[in-house]
Amino acid sequence: MPSLTLYRRTFAFTLFELLLVLAILSAIAAVTIPNLGLLMGEQKLTRASEQLRIELTRTRVDAMRAGQMMMLQWDPDLGTLKLKPFFSAVASVDSNNGSANSQSTLLTGGNQASVTAAPVYDPEAEETIELPEGVTVEVIAVTPTARSTIAEQEMVGELVTGTSPILFYSDGTTSNAVIILAHPTIGRVAVKLRGITGDVTIDEVMPL
C-alpha cells in the first residue's frame, strides 16, 4: 500500500505585504495622533477652568466665613494668579452692616464715611493658583462698581498697573468678572463670575 506523504505549507508575508501594512499603520497614526493631541489639550483647558471655578467658589466662601474681603489679582507680566485677604473700609462696612444683603448695600457697600480703618493684609496669606501646564490667563475683565472703586483706591501700591482685582465681599457678593483661559494650540475658554450671587459658570471651549 503506497504511503501518503503529508506536506505542511508554510505561510509567510511577502515584502510587499509588510510594506502595505506599514503604510496603512502610518496613515492611521497620521490621522489619530493630531486628534489625540487636540483631545488632551482640550482636557487641559477643561480641567483648568474647573479648577478655577472651584478656587473662586472656595474664596467666596472663605470671605463669608472670615468676615473679610478677599481679592484675586492677575499679573499679566508674570502670568500669575494670586489670592489674598484684604482688610479695608469697604470690608468693615460689609461686616458691621446687618443689612448687607439689601439691594442698596450691594450696590454701594453702605456708608463708606462711617469707617476709617486703614487697609491691612497679611503677605503670608497669599496663595498662587497653579494652572495646568500650557494653560495661561489670556485676559481678565472686571466690571467696576462704586464699592470696588473705593477698595481699589485703598490698594494703591499693591495693584498691578492696568489691572483690576476680582473682589470677594463678606456679604457673599463678588465682582462681575470674566476670566479667559487659553491654550496656544487648542483654543480658549471663558470662566464667568456673577457678582450679585457669586455663581461661577464655564463656557464651552472655543477652538482657535
C-alpha atoms as a PDB file:
ATOM      1  CA  MET A   1       0.000   0.000   0.000  1.00  0.00           C
ATOM      2  CA  PRO A   2       1.590   3.266  -1.047  1.00  0.00           C
ATOM      3  CA  SER A   3       2.496   5.622   1.786  1.00  0.00           C
ATOM      4  CA  LEU A   4       0.978   9.034   1.930  1.00  0.00           C
ATOM      5  CA  THR A   5       3.333  11.947   2.351  1.00  0.00           C
ATOM      6  CA  LEU A   6       1.884  14.942   4.161  1.00  0.00           C
ATOM      7  CA  TYR A   7       3.136  18.330   3.141  1.00  0.00           C
ATOM      8  CA  ARG A   8       2.949  21.203   5.565  1.00  0.00           C
ATOM      9  CA  ARG A   9       2.627  24.547   3.840  1.00  0.00           C
ATOM     10  CA  THR A  10       4.458  27.407   5.471  1.00  0.00           C
ATOM     11  CA  PHE A  11       2.670  30.770   5.402  1.00  0.00           C
ATOM     12  CA  ALA A  12       4.742  33.979   5.367  1.00  0.00           C
ATOM     13  CA  PHE A  13       4.267  37.626   4.485  1.00  0.00           C
ATOM     14  CA  THR A  14       5.920  38.933   1.415  1.00  0.00           C
ATOM     15  CA  LEU A  15       7.904  42.167   1.492  1.00  0.00           C
ATOM     16  CA  PHE A  16       5.107  43.893  -0.417  1.00  0.00           C
ATOM     17  CA  GLU A  17       2.539  42.854   2.197  1.00  0.00           C
ATOM     18  CA  LEU A  18       4.715  44.127   5.046  1.00  0.00           C
ATOM     19  CA  LEU A  19       5.211  47.462   3.319  1.00  0.00           C
ATOM     20  CA  LEU A  20       1.476  47.707   2.698  1.00  0.00           C
ATOM     21  CA  VAL A  21       0.699  47.099   6.400  1.00  0.00           C
ATOM     22  CA  LEU A  22       3.277  49.709   7.445  1.00  0.00           C
ATOM     23  CA  ALA A  23       1.752  52.228   5.037  1.00  0.00           C
ATOM     24  CA  ILE A  24      -1.735  51.638   6.466  1.00  0.00           C
ATOM     25  CA  LEU A  25      -0.479  51.978  10.058  1.00  0.00           C
ATOM     26  CA  SER A  26       1.319  55.210   9.180  1.00  0.00           C
ATOM     27  CA  ALA A  27      -1.825  56.631   7.628  1.00  0.00           C
ATOM     28  CA  ILE A  28      -3.875  55.745  10.705  1.00  0.00           C
ATOM     29  CA  ALA A  29      -1.262  57.296  13.013  1.00  0.00           C
ATOM     30  CA  ALA A  30      -1.164  60.482  10.929  1.00  0.00           C
ATOM     31  CA  VAL A  31      -4.897  60.928  11.468  1.00  0.00           C
ATOM     32  CA  THR A  32      -5.112  59.725  15.071  1.00  0.00           C
ATOM     33  CA  ILE A  33      -2.114  61.381  16.754  1.00  0.00           C
ATOM     34  CA  PRO A  34      -3.087  65.023  15.989  1.00  0.00           C
ATOM     35  CA  ASN A  35      -6.644  64.349  17.149  1.00  0.00           C
ATOM     36  CA  LEU A  36      -5.265  62.775  20.315  1.00  0.00           C
ATOM     37  CA  GLY A  37      -3.184  65.895  20.936  1.00  0.00           C
ATOM     38  CA  LEU A  38      -6.231  68.109  20.445  1.00  0.00           C
ATOM     39  CA  LEU A  39      -8.234  65.966  22.843  1.00  0.00           C
ATOM     40  CA  MET A  40      -5.537  66.127  25.519  1.00  0.00           C
ATOM     41  CA  GLY A  41      -5.214  69.895  25.085  1.00  0.00           C
ATOM     42  CA  GLU A  42      -8.969  70.367  25.378  1.00  0.00           C
ATOM     43  CA  GLN A  43      -8.949  68.266  28.543  1.00  0.00           C
ATOM     44  CA  LYS A  44      -6.275  70.571  29.967  1.00  0.00           C
ATOM     45  CA  LEU A  45      -8.458  73.612  29.293  1.00  0.00           C
ATOM     46  CA  THR A  46     -11.486  71.891  30.787  1.00  0.00           C
ATOM     47  CA  ARG A  47      -9.508  70.852  33.852  1.00  0.00           C
ATOM     48  CA  ALA A  48      -8.069  74.363  34.275  1.00  0.00           C
ATOM     49  CA  SER A  49     -11.476  76.024  34.028  1.00  0.00           C
ATOM     50  CA  GLU A  50     -12.956  73.596  36.548  1.00  0.00           C
ATOM     51  CA  GLN A  51     -10.017  74.176  38.894  1.00  0.00           C
ATOM     52  CA  LEU A  52     -10.546  77.935  38.642  1.00  0.00           C
ATOM     53  CA  ARG A  53     -14.279  77.531  39.280  1.00  0.00           C
ATOM     54  CA  ILE A  54     -13.517  75.632  42.481  1.00  0.00           C
ATOM     55  CA  GLU A  55     -10.979  78.255  43.616  1.00  0.00           C
ATOM     56  CA  LEU A  56     -13.394  81.143  43.005  1.00  0.00           C
ATOM     57  CA  THR A  57     -16.195  79.383  44.852  1.00  0.00           C
ATOM     58  CA  ARG A  58     -13.920  78.487  47.764  1.00  0.00           C
ATOM     59  CA  THR A  59     -12.622  82.060  48.020  1.00  0.00           C
ATOM     60  CA  ARG A  60     -16.164  83.437  48.173  1.00  0.00           C
ATOM     61  CA  VAL A  61     -16.996  81.024  50.984  1.00  0.00           C
ATOM     62  CA  ASP A  62     -13.761  81.926  52.833  1.00  0.00           C
ATOM     63  CA  ALA A  63     -14.618  85.632  52.612  1.00  0.00           C
ATOM     64  CA  MET A  64     -18.061  84.987  54.100  1.00  0.00           C
ATOM     65  CA  ARG A  65     -16.733  82.760  56.896  1.00  0.00           C
ATOM     66  CA  ALA A  66     -13.887  85.094  57.865  1.00  0.00           C
ATOM     67  CA  GLY A  67     -15.992  88.241  57.519  1.00  0.00           C
ATOM     68  CA  GLN A  68     -13.341  89.963  55.425  1.00  0.00           C
ATOM     69  CA  MET A  69     -12.720  90.902  51.836  1.00  0.00           C
ATOM     70  CA  MET A  70     -10.665  88.586  49.611  1.00  0.00           C
ATOM     71  CA  MET A  71      -9.086  89.533  46.316  1.00  0.00           C
ATOM     72  CA  LEU A  72      -7.799  87.687  43.264  1.00  0.00           C
ATOM     73  CA  GLN A  73      -5.148  89.569  41.320  1.00  0.00           C
ATOM     74  CA  TRP A  74      -3.637  88.750  37.926  1.00  0.00           C
ATOM     75  CA  ASP A  75      -0.139  89.822  36.909  1.00  0.00           C
ATOM     76  CA  PRO A  76      -0.004  89.629  33.081  1.00  0.00           C
ATOM     77  CA  ASP A  77       3.779  90.067  33.033  1.00  0.00           C
ATOM     78  CA  LEU A  78       4.417  87.132  35.357  1.00  0.00           C
ATOM     79  CA  GLY A  79       1.315  85.210  34.298  1.00  0.00           C
ATOM     80  CA  THR A  80       0.349  84.575  37.924  1.00  0.00           C
ATOM     81  CA  LEU A  81      -2.988  84.469  39.730  1.00  0.00           C
ATOM     82  CA  LYS A  82      -2.740  85.343  43.427  1.00  0.00           C
ATOM     83  CA  LEU A  83      -5.371  85.148  46.163  1.00  0.00           C
ATOM     84  CA  LYS A  84      -5.072  87.101  49.392  1.00  0.00           C
ATOM     85  CA  PRO A  85      -7.240  88.627  52.120  1.00  0.00           C
ATOM     86  CA  PHE A  86      -7.664  92.385  52.232  1.00  0.00           C
ATOM     87  CA  PHE A  87      -8.964  94.444  55.136  1.00  0.00           C
ATOM     88  CA  SER A  88     -10.472  97.777  54.147  1.00  0.00           C
ATOM     89  CA  ALA A  89     -13.169 100.284  54.985  1.00  0.00           C
ATOM     90  CA  VAL A  90     -15.410  98.524  52.483  1.00  0.00           C
ATOM     91  CA  ALA A  91     -14.873  95.180  54.182  1.00  0.00           C
ATOM     92  CA  SER A  92     -15.559  96.706  57.606  1.00  0.00           C
ATOM     93  CA  VAL A  93     -18.830  98.170  56.418  1.00  0.00           C
ATOM     94  CA  ASP A  94     -19.852  94.795  54.988  1.00  0.00           C
ATOM     95  CA  SER A  95     -19.102  93.060  58.294  1.00  0.00           C
ATOM     96  CA  ASN A  96     -20.838  95.609  60.531  1.00  0.00           C
ATOM     97  CA  ASN A  97     -23.913  96.257  58.423  1.00  0.00           C
ATOM     98  CA  GLY A  98     -26.769  93.952  59.338  1.00  0.00           C
ATOM     99  CA  SER A  99     -28.495  94.876  56.097  1.00  0.00           C
ATOM    100  CA  ALA A 100     -25.572  93.874  53.876  1.00  0.00           C
ATOM    101  CA  ASN A 101     -27.831  91.835  51.619  1.00  0.00           C
ATOM    102  CA  SER A 102     -30.149  94.719  50.780  1.00  0.00           C
ATOM    103  CA  GLN A 103     -30.083  95.995  47.226  1.00  0.00           C
ATOM    104  CA  SER A 104     -28.733  99.420  48.205  1.00  0.00           C
ATOM    105  CA  THR A 105     -25.858  97.887  50.182  1.00  0.00           C
ATOM    106  CA  LEU A 106     -24.982  95.515  47.339  1.00  0.00           C
ATOM    107  CA  LEU A 107     -24.698  98.477  45.001  1.00  0.00           C
ATOM    108  CA  THR A 108     -22.923 100.990  47.247  1.00  0.00           C
ATOM    109  CA  GLY A 109     -21.352  98.944  50.047  1.00  0.00           C
ATOM    110  CA  GLY A 110     -23.052 101.053  52.731  1.00  0.00           C
ATOM    111  CA  ASN A 111     -21.963 104.322  54.282  1.00  0.00           C
ATOM    112  CA  GLN A 112     -18.264 104.480  53.481  1.00  0.00           C
ATOM    113  CA  ALA A 113     -17.717 107.611  55.590  1.00  0.00           C
ATOM    114  CA  SER A 114     -18.661 105.785  58.792  1.00  0.00           C
ATOM    115  CA  VAL A 115     -15.447 103.724  58.890  1.00  0.00           C
ATOM    116  CA  THR A 116     -11.871 104.958  58.802  1.00  0.00           C
ATOM    117  CA  ALA A 117      -9.986 101.663  59.147  1.00  0.00           C
ATOM    118  CA  ALA A 118      -6.700 101.542  57.270  1.00  0.00           C
ATOM    119  CA  PRO A 119      -6.253  98.676  54.788  1.00  0.00           C
ATOM    120  CA  VAL A 120      -4.034  95.877  56.076  1.00  0.00           C
ATOM    121  CA  TYR A 121      -3.294  92.439  54.671  1.00  0.00           C
ATOM    122  CA  ASP A 122      -1.088  89.532  55.625  1.00  0.00           C
ATOM    123  CA  PRO A 123       1.564  88.789  52.955  1.00  0.00           C
ATOM    124  CA  GLU A 124       1.941  85.238  54.298  1.00  0.00           C
ATOM    125  CA  ALA A 125      -1.707  84.572  53.460  1.00  0.00           C
ATOM    126  CA  GLU A 126      -1.084  84.955  49.731  1.00  0.00           C
ATOM    127  CA  GLU A 127      -1.851  81.916  47.621  1.00  0.00           C
ATOM    128  CA  THR A 128      -0.875  81.332  43.995  1.00  0.00           C
ATOM    129  CA  ILE A 129      -3.232  79.402  41.732  1.00  0.00           C
ATOM    130  CA  GLU A 130      -1.235  76.968  39.593  1.00  0.00           C
ATOM    131  CA  LEU A 131      -2.892  76.161  36.272  1.00  0.00           C
ATOM    132  CA  PRO A 132      -2.122  73.002  34.213  1.00  0.00           C
ATOM    133  CA  GLU A 133       0.973  73.194  32.033  1.00  0.00           C
ATOM    134  CA  GLY A 134       0.340  75.058  28.779  1.00  0.00           C
ATOM    135  CA  VAL A 135      -2.770  76.861  30.044  1.00  0.00           C
ATOM    136  CA  THR A 136      -2.466  80.589  30.729  1.00  0.00           C
ATOM    137  CA  VAL A 137      -4.715  83.520  31.576  1.00  0.00           C
ATOM    138  CA  GLU A 138      -5.298  85.491  28.390  1.00  0.00           C
ATOM    139  CA  VAL A 139      -7.314  88.340  29.881  1.00  0.00           C
ATOM    140  CA  ILE A 140      -9.431  89.236  32.908  1.00  0.00           C
ATOM    141  CA  ALA A 141     -12.280  91.714  32.518  1.00  0.00           C
ATOM    142  CA  VAL A 142     -13.762  93.148  35.724  1.00  0.00           C
ATOM    143  CA  THR A 143     -16.824  95.405  35.749  1.00  0.00           C
ATOM    144  CA  PRO A 144     -16.120  98.409  38.022  1.00  0.00           C
ATOM    145  CA  THR A 145     -18.611  99.417  40.743  1.00  0.00           C
ATOM    146  CA  ALA A 146     -18.695 102.191  43.337  1.00  0.00           C
ATOM    147  CA  ARG A 147     -17.647  99.738  46.027  1.00  0.00           C
ATOM    148  CA  SER A 148     -14.771  98.243  44.027  1.00  0.00           C
ATOM    149  CA  THR A 149     -13.511 101.712  43.070  1.00  0.00           C
ATOM    150  CA  ILE A 150     -13.283 102.722  46.751  1.00  0.00           C
ATOM    151  CA  ALA A 151     -11.500  99.465  47.583  1.00  0.00           C
ATOM    152  CA  GLU A 152      -9.007  99.914  44.747  1.00  0.00           C
ATOM    153  CA  GLN A 153      -8.225 103.425  45.930  1.00  0.00           C
ATOM    154  CA  GLU A 154      -7.138 101.898  49.237  1.00  0.00           C
ATOM    155  CA  MET A 155      -4.963  99.367  47.413  1.00  0.00           C
ATOM    156  CA  VAL A 156      -2.691 101.938  45.749  1.00  0.00           C
ATOM    157  CA  GLY A 157       0.795 100.486  45.589  1.00  0.00           C
ATOM    158  CA  GLU A 158      -0.436  96.891  45.780  1.00  0.00           C
ATOM    159  CA  LEU A 159      -2.194  96.602  42.431  1.00  0.00           C
ATOM    160  CA  VAL A 160      -0.544  95.672  39.162  1.00  0.00           C
ATOM    161  CA  THR A 161      -0.710  98.651  36.808  1.00  0.00           C
ATOM    162  CA  GLY A 162      -3.515  98.394  34.273  1.00  0.00           C
ATOM    163  CA  THR A 163      -5.335  95.543  36.005  1.00  0.00           C
ATOM    164  CA  SER A 164      -8.292  95.391  38.390  1.00  0.00           C
ATOM    165  CA  PRO A 165      -8.592  92.726  41.098  1.00  0.00           C
ATOM    166  CA  ILE A 166     -11.560  90.413  41.465  1.00  0.00           C
ATOM    167  CA  LEU A 167     -13.076  91.135  44.875  1.00  0.00           C
ATOM    168  CA  PHE A 168     -14.976  88.771  47.173  1.00  0.00           C
ATOM    169  CA  TYR A 169     -17.005  90.532  49.878  1.00  0.00           C
ATOM    170  CA  SER A 170     -18.048  89.182  53.259  1.00  0.00           C
ATOM    171  CA  ASP A 171     -21.739  89.501  52.325  1.00  0.00           C
ATOM    172  CA  GLY A 172     -21.336  86.830  49.625  1.00  0.00           C
ATOM    173  CA  THR A 173     -21.249  89.163  46.645  1.00  0.00           C
ATOM    174  CA  THR A 174     -18.282  89.436  44.296  1.00  0.00           C
ATOM    175  CA  SER A 175     -17.014  91.409  41.353  1.00  0.00           C
ATOM    176  CA  ASN A 176     -18.631  90.803  37.979  1.00  0.00           C
ATOM    177  CA  ALA A 177     -15.749  89.277  36.042  1.00  0.00           C
ATOM    178  CA  VAL A 178     -14.787  87.165  33.051  1.00  0.00           C
ATOM    179  CA  ILE A 179     -11.534  85.202  33.024  1.00  0.00           C
ATOM    180  CA  ILE A 180     -10.335  83.873  29.667  1.00  0.00           C
ATOM    181  CA  LEU A 181      -8.049  80.838  29.849  1.00  0.00           C
ATOM    182  CA  ALA A 182      -6.085  79.941  26.715  1.00  0.00           C
ATOM    183  CA  HIS A 183      -4.019  77.089  25.295  1.00  0.00           C
ATOM    184  CA  PRO A 184      -1.616  78.015  22.445  1.00  0.00           C
ATOM    185  CA  THR A 185      -2.724  75.220  20.093  1.00  0.00           C
ATOM    186  CA  ILE A 186      -6.223  74.344  21.276  1.00  0.00           C
ATOM    187  CA  GLY A 187      -8.252  77.464  21.954  1.00  0.00           C
ATOM    188  CA  ARG A 188      -9.730  79.319  24.898  1.00  0.00           C
ATOM    189  CA  VAL A 189     -12.485  79.048  27.476  1.00  0.00           C
ATOM    190  CA  ALA A 190     -14.319  81.712  29.484  1.00  0.00           C
ATOM    191  CA  VAL A 191     -14.939  81.431  33.224  1.00  0.00           C
ATOM    192  CA  LYS A 192     -17.611  83.901  34.351  1.00  0.00           C
ATOM    193  CA  LEU A 193     -18.249  85.205  37.868  1.00  0.00           C
ATOM    194  CA  ARG A 194     -21.635  86.817  38.570  1.00  0.00           C
ATOM    195  CA  GLY A 195     -21.273  89.483  41.222  1.00  0.00           C
ATOM    196  CA  ILE A 196     -24.652  89.590  42.936  1.00  0.00           C
ATOM    197  CA  THR A 197     -24.831  85.821  43.527  1.00  0.00           C
ATOM    198  CA  GLY A 198     -21.179  84.761  43.270  1.00  0.00           C
ATOM    199  CA  ASP A 199     -22.134  81.996  40.838  1.00  0.00           C
ATOM    200  CA  VAL A 200     -19.373  80.713  38.544  1.00  0.00           C
ATOM    201  CA  THR A 201     -20.163  79.415  35.048  1.00  0.00           C
ATOM    202  CA  ILE A 202     -17.905  77.943  32.373  1.00  0.00           C
ATOM    203  CA  ASP A 203     -18.440  78.348  28.634  1.00  0.00           C
ATOM    204  CA  GLU A 204     -17.579  75.678  26.082  1.00  0.00           C
ATOM    205  CA  VAL A 205     -14.030  75.522  24.752  1.00  0.00           C
ATOM    206  CA  MET A 206     -13.641  77.831  21.745  1.00  0.00           C
ATOM    207  CA  PRO A 207     -11.173  76.407  19.182  1.00  0.00           C
ATOM    208  CA  LEU A 208      -8.557  78.615  17.557  1.00  0.00           C
END
